[in-house]
Amino acid sequence: MKAIIIGASSGIGKALAQKFSDNGYILGLTARRENLLHDLKNHLKQKSFIKKMDVTKAEDSIKILNDLIQEMNGVDLIIINAGFGKTNPELDWEIIKQTINVNVLGFAAIAAESYKYFSKKGSGHIVGISSIASLGPSDHTPTYPASKAFDSMFLYGLKLKNYIDKKNIFITDIRPGFVDTDMVKGRKMIWCSSVEKASKQIFKAILKKKQVAYITKRWFLIALLFKFLPFSLYKKMRKILFP
């Protein structure tokens, strides 16, 4: 089996690369920091291919993805893990723009190109790493949950397209809660999982080809709560849910 991980240089992407390699997968790895990809490659059990990719440059990313697929002589699984998030209570435009460029434009470019590739191939599996934040707004970083909501809905649209097109493409939306990565560094978070625990559950969810998976599993309770929680209560609980 062969898989590509977009955003593999650190955090969840790096941990997933190690798990898939340990389980016999040949990997294609992309990230902005090529030096970290080389370090990762040296520690993987199976053969791997690396490409420098900045998903904010969407058109370039599409070409790099196709070049990597061709170099690997085809793939079975593409995981879109690249993401950006930063607290922004001052609504700094550069942070807003960076969030949109990575989480919306970059995500959509890779996801759409992946679908087109697997559609021609006849089968495949697309995994998008969105977030539990996609289910509710944030006052201190409004763009991040909005961008992750876009990711989840885009994947949902691809699921519908797959059904209409009668293709054999599996699509998985991974919705992590708080994971101990650089994105949450220095903040006290409820139910904050280690990268190892989160990546283990993500790996299992991917192998099971789940449509939606909450990581860790307890965040499913929050997802249920959001379905029925009116805004009048949500705004009072926001600091508990998303400090």
C-alpha atoms as a PDB file:
ATOM      1  CA  MET A   1       0.000   0.000   0.000  1.00  0.00           C
ATOM      2  CA  LYS A   2       1.094   3.564  -0.732  1.00  0.00           C
ATOM      3  CA  ALA A   3       0.023   6.786   0.970  1.00  0.00           C
ATOM      4  CA  ILE A   4       0.775  10.502   0.774  1.00  0.00           C
ATOM      5  CA  ILE A   5       0.732  12.701   3.877  1.00  0.00           C
ATOM      6  CA  ILE A   6       0.420  16.439   3.269  1.00  0.00           C
ATOM      7  CA  GLY A   7       1.997  18.230   6.236  1.00  0.00           C
ATOM      8  CA  ALA A   8       4.210  15.460   7.579  1.00  0.00           C
ATOM      9  CA  SER A   9       7.129  17.315   9.133  1.00  0.00           C
ATOM     10  CA  SER A  10       5.862  17.482  12.729  1.00  0.00           C
ATOM     11  CA  GLY A  11       3.003  16.756  15.121  1.00  0.00           C
ATOM     12  CA  ILE A  12       0.201  14.489  13.969  1.00  0.00           C
ATOM     13  CA  GLY A  13       1.541  14.219  10.411  1.00  0.00           C
ATOM     14  CA  LYS A  14       4.940  13.013  11.573  1.00  0.00           C
ATOM     15  CA  ALA A  15       3.405  10.511  14.008  1.00  0.00           C
ATOM     16  CA  LEU A  16       1.102   9.157  11.288  1.00  0.00           C
ATOM     17  CA  ALA A  17       4.058   8.756   8.931  1.00  0.00           C
ATOM     18  CA  GLN A  18       5.811   6.616  11.515  1.00  0.00           C
ATOM     19  CA  LYS A  19       2.718   4.469  12.107  1.00  0.00           C
ATOM     20  CA  PHE A  20       1.991   3.889   8.435  1.00  0.00           C
ATOM     21  CA  SER A  21       5.634   3.095   7.708  1.00  0.00           C
ATOM     22  CA  ASP A  22       5.752   0.661  10.637  1.00  0.00           C
ATOM     23  CA  ASN A  23       2.755  -1.067   9.065  1.00  0.00           C
ATOM     24  CA  GLY A  24       4.347  -1.555   5.679  1.00  0.00           C
ATOM     25  CA  TYR A  25       3.199   1.526   3.745  1.00  0.00           C
ATOM     26  CA  ILE A  26       5.402   3.237   1.184  1.00  0.00           C
ATOM     27  CA  LEU A  27       4.987   6.950   1.819  1.00  0.00           C
ATOM     28  CA  GLY A  28       5.057  10.273   0.045  1.00  0.00           C
ATOM     29  CA  LEU A  29       5.714  13.120   2.490  1.00  0.00           C
ATOM     30  CA  THR A  30       5.279  16.854   1.949  1.00  0.00           C
ATOM     31  CA  ALA A  31       5.825  19.958   4.077  1.00  0.00           C
ATOM     32  CA  ARG A  32       7.347  23.420   3.917  1.00  0.00           C
ATOM     33  CA  ARG A  33      10.345  22.396   6.057  1.00  0.00           C
ATOM     34  CA  GLU A  34      12.182  19.999   3.788  1.00  0.00           C
ATOM     35  CA  ASN A  35      15.008  19.454   6.278  1.00  0.00           C
ATOM     36  CA  LEU A  36      12.547  17.944   8.769  1.00  0.00           C
ATOM     37  CA  LEU A  37      11.220  15.629   6.069  1.00  0.00           C
ATOM     38  CA  HIS A  38      14.747  14.344   5.434  1.00  0.00           C
ATOM     39  CA  ASP A  39      15.182  13.699   9.162  1.00  0.00           C
ATOM     40  CA  LEU A  40      11.868  11.836   9.254  1.00  0.00           C
ATOM     41  CA  LYS A  41      12.712   9.807   6.171  1.00  0.00           C
ATOM     42  CA  ASN A  42      15.883   8.546   7.834  1.00  0.00           C
ATOM     43  CA  HIS A  43      13.845   7.093  10.708  1.00  0.00           C
ATOM     44  CA  LEU A  44      11.168   5.315   8.676  1.00  0.00           C
ATOM     45  CA  LYS A  45      11.210   1.561   8.116  1.00  0.00           C
ATOM     46  CA  GLN A  46       9.797   1.623   4.590  1.00  0.00           C
ATOM     47  CA  LYS A  47      10.756   3.517   1.458  1.00  0.00           C
ATOM     48  CA  SER A  48       9.557   7.109   1.328  1.00  0.00           C
ATOM     49  CA  PHE A  49       9.528  10.013  -1.113  1.00  0.00           C
ATOM     50  CA  ILE A  50       9.671  13.647  -0.054  1.00  0.00           C
ATOM     51  CA  LYS A  51       8.623  16.914  -1.682  1.00  0.00           C
ATOM     52  CA  LYS A  52       8.770  20.463  -0.397  1.00  0.00           C
ATOM     53  CA  MET A  53       5.256  21.911  -0.523  1.00  0.00           C
ATOM     54  CA  ASP A  54       3.757  25.180   0.660  1.00  0.00           C
ATOM     55  CA  VAL A  55      -0.014  24.698   0.429  1.00  0.00           C
ATOM     56  CA  THR A  56      -0.571  28.468   0.462  1.00  0.00           C
ATOM     57  CA  LYS A  57       0.680  28.302  -3.120  1.00  0.00           C
ATOM     58  CA  ALA A  58      -2.288  26.248  -4.279  1.00  0.00           C
ATOM     59  CA  GLU A  59      -1.449  25.905  -7.965  1.00  0.00           C
ATOM     60  CA  ASP A  60       2.121  24.854  -7.201  1.00  0.00           C
ATOM     61  CA  SER A  61       0.833  22.363  -4.627  1.00  0.00           C
ATOM     62  CA  ILE A  62      -1.416  20.702  -7.207  1.00  0.00           C
ATOM     63  CA  LYS A  63       1.548  20.210  -9.541  1.00  0.00           C
ATOM     64  CA  ILE A  64       3.764  18.908  -6.728  1.00  0.00           C
ATOM     65  CA  LEU A  65       1.063  16.449  -5.658  1.00  0.00           C
ATOM     66  CA  ASN A  66       0.736  15.074  -9.177  1.00  0.00           C
ATOM     67  CA  ASP A  67       4.511  14.866  -9.564  1.00  0.00           C
ATOM     68  CA  LEU A  68       4.729  12.921  -6.294  1.00  0.00           C
ATOM     69  CA  ILE A  69       1.947  10.535  -7.338  1.00  0.00           C
ATOM     70  CA  GLN A  70       3.737   9.892 -10.628  1.00  0.00           C
ATOM     71  CA  GLU A  71       7.103   9.380  -8.889  1.00  0.00           C
ATOM     72  CA  MET A  72       5.476   6.828  -6.569  1.00  0.00           C
ATOM     73  CA  ASN A  73       3.775   5.114  -9.508  1.00  0.00           C
ATOM     74  CA  GLY A  74       0.341   5.710  -7.987  1.00  0.00           C
ATOM     75  CA  VAL A  75      -1.045   5.852  -4.444  1.00  0.00           C
ATOM     76  CA  ASP A  76      -4.007   4.430  -2.516  1.00  0.00           C
ATOM     77  CA  LEU A  77      -4.442   7.012   0.234  1.00  0.00           C
ATOM     78  CA  ILE A  78      -3.961  10.780   0.556  1.00  0.00           C
ATOM     79  CA  ILE A  79      -4.045  12.419   4.000  1.00  0.00           C
ATOM     80  CA  ILE A  80      -4.434  16.215   4.117  1.00  0.00           C
ATOM     81  CA  ASN A  81      -2.928  17.214   7.443  1.00  0.00           C
ATOM     82  CA  ALA A  82      -1.426  20.642   6.704  1.00  0.00           C
ATOM     83  CA  GLY A  83      -3.101  23.276   8.836  1.00  0.00           C
ATOM     84  CA  PHE A  84      -2.595  26.644  10.491  1.00  0.00           C
ATOM     85  CA  GLY A  85      -4.134  28.100  13.646  1.00  0.00           C
ATOM     86  CA  LYS A  86      -3.223  31.019  15.880  1.00  0.00           C
ATOM     87  CA  THR A  87      -5.110  33.039  18.471  1.00  0.00           C
ATOM     88  CA  ASN A  88      -6.123  36.362  16.972  1.00  0.00           C
ATOM     89  CA  PRO A  89      -8.316  38.484  19.281  1.00  0.00           C
ATOM     90  CA  GLU A  90      -7.051  41.649  17.539  1.00  0.00           C
ATOM     91  CA  LEU A  91      -8.274  40.300  14.162  1.00  0.00           C
ATOM     92  CA  ASP A  92      -4.875  40.825  12.573  1.00  0.00           C
ATOM     93  CA  TRP A  93      -5.408  40.492   8.825  1.00  0.00           C
ATOM     94  CA  GLU A  94      -2.151  38.648   8.176  1.00  0.00           C
ATOM     95  CA  ILE A  95      -3.207  35.860  10.564  1.00  0.00           C
ATOM     96  CA  ILE A  96      -6.680  35.739   9.011  1.00  0.00           C
ATOM     97  CA  LYS A  97      -5.181  35.564   5.524  1.00  0.00           C
ATOM     98  CA  GLN A  98      -2.670  32.859   6.449  1.00  0.00           C
ATOM     99  CA  THR A  99      -5.427  30.750   8.030  1.00  0.00           C
ATOM    100  CA  ILE A 100      -7.580  31.002   4.922  1.00  0.00           C
ATOM    101  CA  ASN A 101      -4.683  30.353   2.557  1.00  0.00           C
ATOM    102  CA  VAL A 102      -3.677  27.150   4.366  1.00  0.00           C
ATOM    103  CA  ASN A 103      -6.930  25.752   5.740  1.00  0.00           C
ATOM    104  CA  VAL A 104      -9.285  26.784   2.947  1.00  0.00           C
ATOM    105  CA  LEU A 105      -7.481  27.389  -0.346  1.00  0.00           C
ATOM    106  CA  GLY A 106      -4.673  24.887   0.211  1.00  0.00           C
ATOM    107  CA  PHE A 107      -6.998  22.243   1.626  1.00  0.00           C
ATOM    108  CA  ALA A 108      -9.513  22.604  -1.200  1.00  0.00           C
ATOM    109  CA  ALA A 109      -6.813  22.437  -3.874  1.00  0.00           C
ATOM    110  CA  ILE A 110      -5.341  19.192  -2.530  1.00  0.00           C
ATOM    111  CA  ALA A 111      -8.716  17.591  -1.754  1.00  0.00           C
ATOM    112  CA  ALA A 112     -10.160  18.373  -5.194  1.00  0.00           C
ATOM    113  CA  GLU A 113      -7.055  17.159  -7.012  1.00  0.00           C
ATOM    114  CA  SER A 114      -7.039  13.987  -4.898  1.00  0.00           C
ATOM    115  CA  TYR A 115     -10.648  13.279  -5.832  1.00  0.00           C
ATOM    116  CA  LYS A 116      -9.910  13.797  -9.537  1.00  0.00           C
ATOM    117  CA  TYR A 117      -6.930  11.440  -9.317  1.00  0.00           C
ATOM    118  CA  PHE A 118      -8.810   8.673  -7.513  1.00  0.00           C
ATOM    119  CA  SER A 119     -11.790   9.135  -9.833  1.00  0.00           C
ATOM    120  CA  LYS A 120      -9.571   8.367 -12.826  1.00  0.00           C
ATOM    121  CA  LYS A 121      -7.819   5.558 -10.962  1.00  0.00           C
ATOM    122  CA  GLY A 122     -11.136   3.961 -10.027  1.00  0.00           C
ATOM    123  CA  SER A 123     -10.626   3.822  -6.251  1.00  0.00           C
ATOM    124  CA  GLY A 124      -8.892   5.503  -3.361  1.00  0.00           C
ATOM    125  CA  HIS A 125      -9.181   7.043   0.076  1.00  0.00           C
ATOM    126  CA  ILE A 126      -9.073  10.756   0.968  1.00  0.00           C
ATOM    127  CA  VAL A 127      -8.566  11.765   4.600  1.00  0.00           C
ATOM    128  CA  GLY A 128      -8.940  15.354   5.754  1.00  0.00           C
ATOM    129  CA  ILE A 129      -7.845  16.510   9.206  1.00  0.00           C
ATOM    130  CA  SER A 130     -10.413  19.129  10.194  1.00  0.00           C
ATOM    131  CA  SER A 131     -11.161  19.888  13.868  1.00  0.00           C
ATOM    132  CA  ILE A 132     -13.741  19.745  16.632  1.00  0.00           C
ATOM    133  CA  ALA A 133     -13.512  23.543  16.373  1.00  0.00           C
ATOM    134  CA  SER A 134     -15.476  23.303  13.120  1.00  0.00           C
ATOM    135  CA  LEU A 135     -18.624  22.771  15.211  1.00  0.00           C
ATOM    136  CA  GLY A 136     -18.612  26.079  17.099  1.00  0.00           C
ATOM    137  CA  PRO A 137     -17.386  29.689  16.814  1.00  0.00           C
ATOM    138  CA  SER A 138     -14.511  31.293  18.678  1.00  0.00           C
ATOM    139  CA  ASP A 139     -14.210  34.902  19.794  1.00  0.00           C
ATOM    140  CA  HIS A 140     -10.406  34.877  20.072  1.00  0.00           C
ATOM    141  CA  THR A 141      -9.741  33.205  16.727  1.00  0.00           C
ATOM    142  CA  PRO A 142     -12.858  33.526  14.523  1.00  0.00           C
ATOM    143  CA  THR A 143     -11.158  32.403  11.305  1.00  0.00           C
ATOM    144  CA  TYR A 144      -9.871  29.037  12.514  1.00  0.00           C
ATOM    145  CA  PRO A 145     -13.202  27.299  13.273  1.00  0.00           C
ATOM    146  CA  ALA A 146     -14.708  28.881  10.162  1.00  0.00           C
ATOM    147  CA  SER A 147     -11.896  27.459   8.038  1.00  0.00           C
ATOM    148  CA  LYS A 148     -12.242  24.011   9.614  1.00  0.00           C
ATOM    149  CA  ALA A 149     -16.001  24.104   9.049  1.00  0.00           C
ATOM    150  CA  PHE A 150     -15.185  24.717   5.384  1.00  0.00           C
ATOM    151  CA  ASP A 151     -12.921  21.649   5.375  1.00  0.00           C
ATOM    152  CA  SER A 152     -15.611  19.400   6.861  1.00  0.00           C
ATOM    153  CA  MET A 153     -18.282  20.657   4.470  1.00  0.00           C
ATOM    154  CA  PHE A 154     -15.947  20.334   1.479  1.00  0.00           C
ATOM    155  CA  LEU A 155     -15.289  16.703   2.394  1.00  0.00           C
ATOM    156  CA  TYR A 156     -19.039  16.187   2.829  1.00  0.00           C
ATOM    157  CA  GLY A 157     -19.560  17.576  -0.658  1.00  0.00           C
ATOM    158  CA  LEU A 158     -16.997  15.158  -2.058  1.00  0.00           C
ATOM    159  CA  LYS A 159     -18.845  12.292  -0.341  1.00  0.00           C
ATOM    160  CA  LEU A 160     -22.028  13.345  -2.116  1.00  0.00           C
ATOM    161  CA  LYS A 161     -20.191  13.720  -5.415  1.00  0.00           C
ATOM    162  CA  ASN A 162     -18.713  10.249  -4.966  1.00  0.00           C
ATOM    163  CA  TYR A 163     -22.216   8.856  -4.458  1.00  0.00           C
ATOM    164  CA  ILE A 164     -23.590  10.658  -7.529  1.00  0.00           C
ATOM    165  CA  ASP A 165     -20.572   9.710  -9.651  1.00  0.00           C
ATOM    166  CA  LYS A 166     -20.803   6.090  -8.445  1.00  0.00           C
ATOM    167  CA  LYS A 167     -17.075   6.008  -7.695  1.00  0.00           C
ATOM    168  CA  ASN A 168     -15.256   3.769  -5.225  1.00  0.00           C
ATOM    169  CA  ILE A 169     -13.656   6.558  -3.204  1.00  0.00           C
ATOM    170  CA  PHE A 170     -13.699   6.546   0.592  1.00  0.00           C
ATOM    171  CA  ILE A 171     -13.651   9.937   2.316  1.00  0.00           C
ATOM    172  CA  THR A 172     -12.836  10.375   6.003  1.00  0.00           C
ATOM    173  CA  ASP A 173     -13.224  13.536   8.080  1.00  0.00           C
ATOM    174  CA  ILE A 174     -10.966  13.402  11.154  1.00  0.00           C
ATOM    175  CA  ARG A 175     -12.028  15.909  13.820  1.00  0.00           C
ATOM    176  CA  PRO A 176      -9.396  16.176  16.561  1.00  0.00           C
ATOM    177  CA  GLY A 177     -10.000  17.958  19.815  1.00  0.00           C
ATOM    178  CA  PHE A 178      -6.978  19.425  21.569  1.00  0.00           C
ATOM    179  CA  VAL A 179      -3.702  17.656  20.826  1.00  0.00           C
ATOM    180  CA  ASP A 180      -0.378  18.541  22.425  1.00  0.00           C
ATOM    181  CA  THR A 181       1.224  20.177  19.392  1.00  0.00           C
ATOM    182  CA  ASP A 182       2.746  23.611  18.757  1.00  0.00           C
ATOM    183  CA  MET A 183      -0.733  24.928  17.913  1.00  0.00           C
ATOM    184  CA  VAL A 184      -1.871  24.686  21.571  1.00  0.00           C
ATOM    185  CA  LYS A 185       1.498  25.323  23.199  1.00  0.00           C
ATOM    186  CA  GLY A 186       1.255  27.440  26.339  1.00  0.00           C
ATOM    187  CA  ARG A 187      -2.544  27.150  26.665  1.00  0.00           C
ATOM    188  CA  LYS A 188      -4.472  25.071  29.197  1.00  0.00           C
ATOM    189  CA  MET A 189      -6.893  22.856  27.283  1.00  0.00           C
ATOM    190  CA  ILE A 190      -9.498  20.376  28.444  1.00  0.00           C
ATOM    191  CA  TRP A 191      -9.042  16.779  27.342  1.00  0.00           C
ATOM    192  CA  CYS A 192      -5.706  17.580  25.680  1.00  0.00           C
ATOM    193  CA  SER A 193      -4.337  14.382  24.164  1.00  0.00           C
ATOM    194  CA  SER A 194      -0.762  13.399  23.505  1.00  0.00           C
ATOM    195  CA  VAL A 195       0.293  13.227  19.864  1.00  0.00           C
ATOM    196  CA  GLU A 196       0.917   9.486  20.259  1.00  0.00           C
ATOM    197  CA  LYS A 197      -2.587   8.751  21.545  1.00  0.00           C
ATOM    198  CA  ALA A 198      -4.239  10.957  18.935  1.00  0.00           C
ATOM    199  CA  SER A 199      -2.252   9.515  16.034  1.00  0.00           C
ATOM    200  CA  LYS A 200      -3.010   5.969  17.185  1.00  0.00           C
ATOM    201  CA  GLN A 201      -6.760   6.646  17.107  1.00  0.00           C
ATOM    202  CA  ILE A 202      -6.501   8.468  13.764  1.00  0.00           C
ATOM    203  CA  PHE A 203      -4.565   5.557  12.275  1.00  0.00           C
ATOM    204  CA  LYS A 204      -7.246   3.090  13.376  1.00  0.00           C
ATOM    205  CA  ALA A 205     -10.046   5.312  12.058  1.00  0.00           C
ATOM    206  CA  ILE A 206      -8.341   5.538   8.668  1.00  0.00           C
ATOM    207  CA  LEU A 207      -7.852   1.784   8.418  1.00  0.00           C
ATOM    208  CA  LYS A 208     -11.539   1.294   9.285  1.00  0.00           C
ATOM    209  CA  LYS A 209     -12.453   3.858   6.594  1.00  0.00           C
ATOM    210  CA  LYS A 210     -14.698   5.743   8.983  1.00  0.00           C
ATOM    211  CA  GLN A 211     -16.681   8.618   7.519  1.00  0.00           C
ATOM    212  CA  VAL A 212     -16.200  10.852  10.591  1.00  0.00           C
ATOM    213  CA  ALA A 213     -13.955  10.253  13.599  1.00  0.00           C
ATOM    214  CA  TYR A 214     -13.549  12.380  16.720  1.00  0.00           C
ATOM    215  CA  ILE A 215     -10.094  12.323  18.292  1.00  0.00           C
ATOM    216  CA  THR A 216      -9.966  11.447  21.068  1.00  0.00           C
ATOM    217  CA  LYS A 217     -13.258   9.586  21.138  1.00  0.00           C
ATOM    218  CA  ARG A 218     -14.674  11.529  24.095  1.00  0.00           C
ATOM    219  CA  TRP A 219     -15.018  14.608  21.848  1.00  0.00           C
ATOM    220  CA  PHE A 220     -17.998  12.886  20.278  1.00  0.00           C
ATOM    221  CA  LEU A 221     -19.894  13.968  23.412  1.00  0.00           C
ATOM    222  CA  ILE A 222     -19.090  17.607  22.676  1.00  0.00           C
ATOM    223  CA  ALA A 223     -20.225  17.124  19.082  1.00  0.00           C
ATOM    224  CA  LEU A 224     -23.579  15.841  20.339  1.00  0.00           C
ATOM    225  CA  LEU A 225     -23.840  18.783  22.719  1.00  0.00           C
ATOM    226  CA  PHE A 226     -23.222  21.291  19.922  1.00  0.00           C
ATOM    227  CA  LYS A 227     -26.191  19.924  17.964  1.00  0.00           C
ATOM    228  CA  PHE A 228     -28.610  21.035  20.681  1.00  0.00           C
ATOM    229  CA  LEU A 229     -26.802  23.865  22.471  1.00  0.00           C
ATOM    230  CA  PRO A 230     -28.347  27.292  21.712  1.00  0.00           C
ATOM    231  CA  PHE A 231     -26.042  30.254  21.233  1.00  0.00           C
ATOM    232  CA  SER A 232     -27.291  31.817  24.470  1.00  0.00           C
ATOM    233  CA  LEU A 233     -25.709  28.911  26.365  1.00  0.00           C
ATOM    234  CA  TYR A 234     -22.764  28.373  24.044  1.00  0.00           C
ATOM    235  CA  LYS A 235     -21.447  31.882  24.601  1.00  0.00           C
ATOM    236  CA  LYS A 236     -21.433  31.263  28.357  1.00  0.00           C
ATOM    237  CA  MET A 237     -19.570  27.966  27.979  1.00  0.00           C
ATOM    238  CA  ARG A 238     -17.050  29.054  25.362  1.00  0.00           C
ATOM    239  CA  LYS A 239     -14.158  29.538  27.806  1.00  0.00           C
ATOM    240  CA  ILE A 240     -14.656  26.026  29.146  1.00  0.00           C
ATOM    241  CA  LEU A 241     -14.945  24.430  25.711  1.00  0.00           C
ATOM    242  CA  PHE A 242     -12.326  26.500  23.881  1.00  0.00           C
ATOM    243  CA  PRO A 243     -10.200  28.470  26.386  1.00  0.00           C
END
